[in-house]
Protein backbone atom coordinates (compact mmCIF):
# COMPACT_ATOMS: atom_id res chain seq x y z
CA MET A 1 56.98 9.04 16.14
CA PRO A 2 54.07 11.20 15.36
CA THR A 3 54.10 14.41 17.29
CA ARG A 4 51.31 15.51 19.06
CA ASN A 5 49.66 18.08 16.69
CA PHE A 6 49.65 15.14 13.83
CA MET A 7 48.34 12.70 16.43
CA THR A 8 45.18 15.61 17.57
CA TRP A 9 44.71 15.77 13.94
CA LEU A 10 44.60 12.07 12.90
CA ALA A 11 42.04 11.61 15.57
CA ALA A 12 40.23 14.49 15.00
CA ALA A 13 40.21 13.10 10.99
CA CYS A 14 38.87 9.80 12.50
CA LEU A 15 36.03 11.03 14.59
CA LEU A 16 34.93 13.19 11.25
CA THR A 17 34.71 10.62 8.95
CA ALA A 18 33.00 8.73 11.32
CA SER A 19 30.80 11.32 12.06
CA ALA A 20 30.01 11.79 8.61
CA SER A 21 29.83 7.53 7.72
CA ALA A 22 27.00 8.11 10.67
CA MET A 23 24.99 10.88 9.20
CA GLN A 24 25.40 9.16 6.00
CA ALA A 25 23.85 5.59 7.08
CA GLN A 26 20.78 7.95 8.64
CA ASP A 27 17.76 6.83 6.61
CA PHE A 28 14.53 9.66 6.79
CA SER A 29 12.65 7.20 4.49
CA LYS A 30 10.83 5.23 7.19
CA GLY A 31 6.87 6.35 7.19
CA SER A 32 7.35 8.14 3.63
CA ASN A 33 4.39 7.97 1.24
CA ALA A 34 6.38 9.82 -1.70
CA ASN A 35 6.16 8.75 -5.33
CA GLU A 36 9.31 7.70 -6.86
CA LEU A 37 10.12 9.05 -10.29
CA GLY A 38 13.16 6.97 -11.08
CA LEU A 39 15.93 9.73 -10.89
CA THR A 40 19.50 9.34 -10.26
CA GLY A 41 19.97 9.15 -6.45
CA GLU A 42 16.50 9.64 -5.67
CA ALA A 43 15.87 8.52 -1.94
CA LYS A 44 12.43 9.03 0.04
CA ALA A 45 12.85 10.88 2.69
CA MET A 46 10.17 12.58 5.46
CA PHE A 47 11.71 14.37 8.53
CA SER A 48 10.83 17.47 10.47
CA GLY A 49 12.52 21.13 10.26
CA LYS A 50 12.45 24.35 10.37
CA VAL A 51 11.22 26.23 7.31
CA VAL A 52 13.90 29.31 6.23
CA ASP A 53 15.05 31.91 3.75
CA ILE A 54 18.52 29.86 2.95
CA LEU A 55 19.79 33.75 2.61
CA CYS A 56 18.84 34.94 5.87
CA GLU A 57 20.35 31.20 7.48
CA LEU A 58 23.63 31.57 5.63
CA SER A 59 24.14 35.41 5.85
CA GLY A 60 21.87 37.07 8.44
CA ASP A 61 20.46 39.17 5.68
CA CYS A 62 16.83 38.32 6.99
CA PRO A 63 13.49 40.66 5.38
CA PRO A 64 10.54 40.12 6.85
CA ASN A 65 8.41 36.60 6.29
CA CYS A 66 10.95 34.81 4.64
CA GLY A 67 11.72 37.74 2.04
CA GLY A 68 7.91 37.47 0.82
CA GLY A 69 8.20 34.71 -1.86
CA ASN A 70 11.05 36.61 -3.07
CA ARG A 71 13.52 34.20 -1.80
CA ASN A 72 14.88 30.53 -2.38
CA MET A 73 13.54 28.79 0.95
CA GLY A 74 14.64 25.87 2.72
CA ILE A 75 14.11 23.40 5.70
CA VAL A 76 16.82 23.31 9.07
CA ARG A 77 16.31 19.79 9.39
CA ALA A 78 15.45 18.90 13.05
CA ALA A 79 17.44 15.36 12.91
CA ASP A 80 20.91 16.60 12.39
CA ASN A 81 20.19 20.74 12.38
CA LYS A 82 21.49 20.55 8.48
CA LEU A 83 20.22 22.68 5.69
CA ILE A 84 18.20 21.19 3.53
CA VAL A 85 17.81 22.98 0.34
CA VAL A 86 13.68 22.32 -1.37
CA ALA A 87 14.58 23.06 -4.93
CA LYS A 88 11.42 21.55 -6.24
CA ASN A 89 7.59 20.88 -5.26
CA ALA A 90 5.15 18.31 -6.13
CA GLN A 91 4.01 19.26 -9.83
CA PHE A 92 5.50 17.28 -12.71
CA GLU A 93 7.03 20.51 -14.29
CA PHE A 94 9.88 21.46 -12.42
CA ASN A 95 8.16 24.10 -10.12
CA GLY A 96 9.81 25.98 -7.37
CA PRO A 97 8.87 25.22 -3.82
CA VAL A 98 8.26 28.51 -2.30
CA ASP A 99 4.57 28.98 -2.78
CA ASP A 100 4.31 25.92 -0.85
CA LEU A 101 6.66 26.79 2.01
CA LEU A 102 5.99 30.65 2.27
CA PRO A 103 2.93 30.14 4.85
CA TYR A 104 4.91 27.69 6.93
CA CYS A 105 8.02 30.76 7.14
CA ASN A 106 9.86 30.08 10.34
CA LYS A 107 7.37 27.07 11.79
CA THR A 108 8.37 23.86 12.22
CA VAL A 109 6.96 21.47 9.53
CA ASP A 110 6.68 17.70 8.91
CA VAL A 111 7.72 17.33 4.86
CA ASP A 112 7.63 13.90 2.56
CA GLY A 113 9.44 13.72 -0.61
CA LEU A 114 12.65 12.74 -2.55
CA LEU A 115 16.37 13.38 -1.47
CA LEU A 116 17.87 14.14 -4.98
CA SER A 117 21.98 13.79 -6.19
CA ASP A 118 23.59 13.00 -9.49
CA ASP A 119 25.90 11.10 -6.84
CA SER A 120 23.95 8.38 -4.90
CA GLY A 121 27.24 8.25 -2.73
CA PHE A 122 27.38 12.53 -1.92
CA ASP A 123 25.83 13.51 1.05
CA ALA A 124 24.94 16.44 -0.04
CA LYS A 125 20.93 16.67 -1.52
CA VAL A 126 18.39 18.54 -2.59
CA PHE A 127 14.74 17.37 -1.55
CA MET A 128 11.96 17.74 -3.93
CA ALA A 129 8.48 18.45 -1.32
CA GLN A 130 5.82 16.11 -2.40
CA PHE A 131 3.73 16.65 0.69
CA ILE A 132 3.58 19.04 3.92
CA ARG A 133 2.06 20.12 7.22
CA LEU A 134 2.85 21.72 10.50
CA SER A 135 4.38 19.68 12.96
CA GLY A 136 1.88 18.02 14.73
CA GLU A 137 -1.09 18.03 12.50
CA LYS A 138 -2.41 14.76 10.88
CA GLU A 139 -3.52 15.84 7.23
CA TRP A 140 -0.76 16.28 4.97
CA LYS A 141 -1.30 18.86 2.00
CA LYS A 142 0.28 18.42 -1.19
CA ALA A 143 3.53 20.89 -2.52
CA ASP A 144 1.27 21.70 -5.42
CA LEU A 145 0.28 25.28 -5.30
CA TRP A 146 3.06 26.96 -7.68
CA THR A 147 0.92 27.05 -10.83
CA GLU A 148 -2.35 28.41 -9.08
CA ALA A 149 0.38 31.02 -7.82
CA TRP A 150 1.18 31.70 -10.84
CA GLU A 151 -1.85 32.49 -12.23
CA LYS A 152 -2.78 34.61 -9.38
CA ARG A 153 0.82 36.68 -10.14
CA ASN A 154 -0.22 36.55 -14.27
CA PRO A 155 -3.70 37.37 -14.86
CA LYS A 156 -3.50 39.35 -17.69
CA VAL A 157 -1.38 36.58 -19.31
CA THR A 158 -3.38 34.67 -21.68
CA GLY A 159 -3.15 32.34 -24.44
CA GLU A 160 -2.62 28.45 -24.56
CA GLY A 161 0.16 25.81 -23.46
CA PRO A 162 1.53 25.51 -19.79
CA TRP A 163 2.67 28.49 -18.08
CA PHE A 164 6.20 28.86 -19.21
CA ARG A 165 5.60 28.96 -22.81
CA ARG A 166 3.39 32.42 -21.60
CA ASP A 167 5.26 33.71 -18.81
CA PRO A 168 6.63 37.57 -19.71
CA ARG A 169 9.95 36.51 -17.74
CA VAL A 170 10.51 33.43 -19.56
CA ILE A 171 9.33 35.34 -22.91
CA LYS A 172 11.51 38.24 -21.93
CA GLN A 173 14.80 35.96 -21.56
CA ILE A 174 14.45 34.20 -24.74
CA ASP A 175 13.85 37.25 -27.07
CA LYS A 176 16.91 38.31 -25.15
CA SER A 177 19.33 35.44 -25.97
CA GLY A 178 17.80 32.72 -27.62
CA TYR A 179 16.72 29.60 -26.26
CA PHE A 180 20.01 28.28 -25.06
CA GLY A 181 21.01 31.22 -23.71
CA LEU A 182 23.86 31.62 -25.94
CA GLY A 183 22.26 33.70 -28.49
CA HIS A 184 20.44 33.97 -31.65
CA GLU A 185 22.36 32.93 -33.76
CA VAL A 186 23.17 29.39 -31.86
CA ASP A 187 19.56 28.68 -31.39
CA GLU A 188 19.59 29.51 -35.98
CA GLN A 189 23.01 27.14 -36.18
CA TRP A 190 20.84 24.38 -34.13
CA ARG A 191 18.02 24.21 -36.05
CA LYS A 192 20.13 23.93 -39.07
CA GLU A 193 22.06 20.93 -37.62
CA ASN A 194 19.13 19.10 -36.46
CA GLU A 195 16.38 19.80 -39.45
């Protein structure tokens, strides 16, 4: 006959499994107007939650104004109290969402976008915010501030082409360790093999 501790453990495991299944079954797509992109594991999602500085949320290290744009940001989803990592805004390039989220630091917002994961069966996903508004407001704002904010932060950067071809930080990193981040020798080897 199983011991009492084993039975307690088994009951707890069954409860956790049932809870996890219920959470996975929660559908946030209702009412979403997000644009699908055909990415692996994408799912439309519209939900409400509090905008937070992720490092503050996880460690208690909480500078004013969610780090003033120097921290990754996320949303603590109201429906299940999960921390959702917001990894991208609505722009075509893989631009970050901080400029779109920072004005809402520690405020409750509604967001609409895509939950993304390489494995559609995996419960933990990152979020691509396409639209945002303060909870209770009617009008949505498109989450596309990054390039405009980059231009304001880099008024002396001139030239043609997209921001990432001109960004001083990107250029510095490429000069230091090459396009692949593995050194200039690897870049040169790749060029010879792929000409």
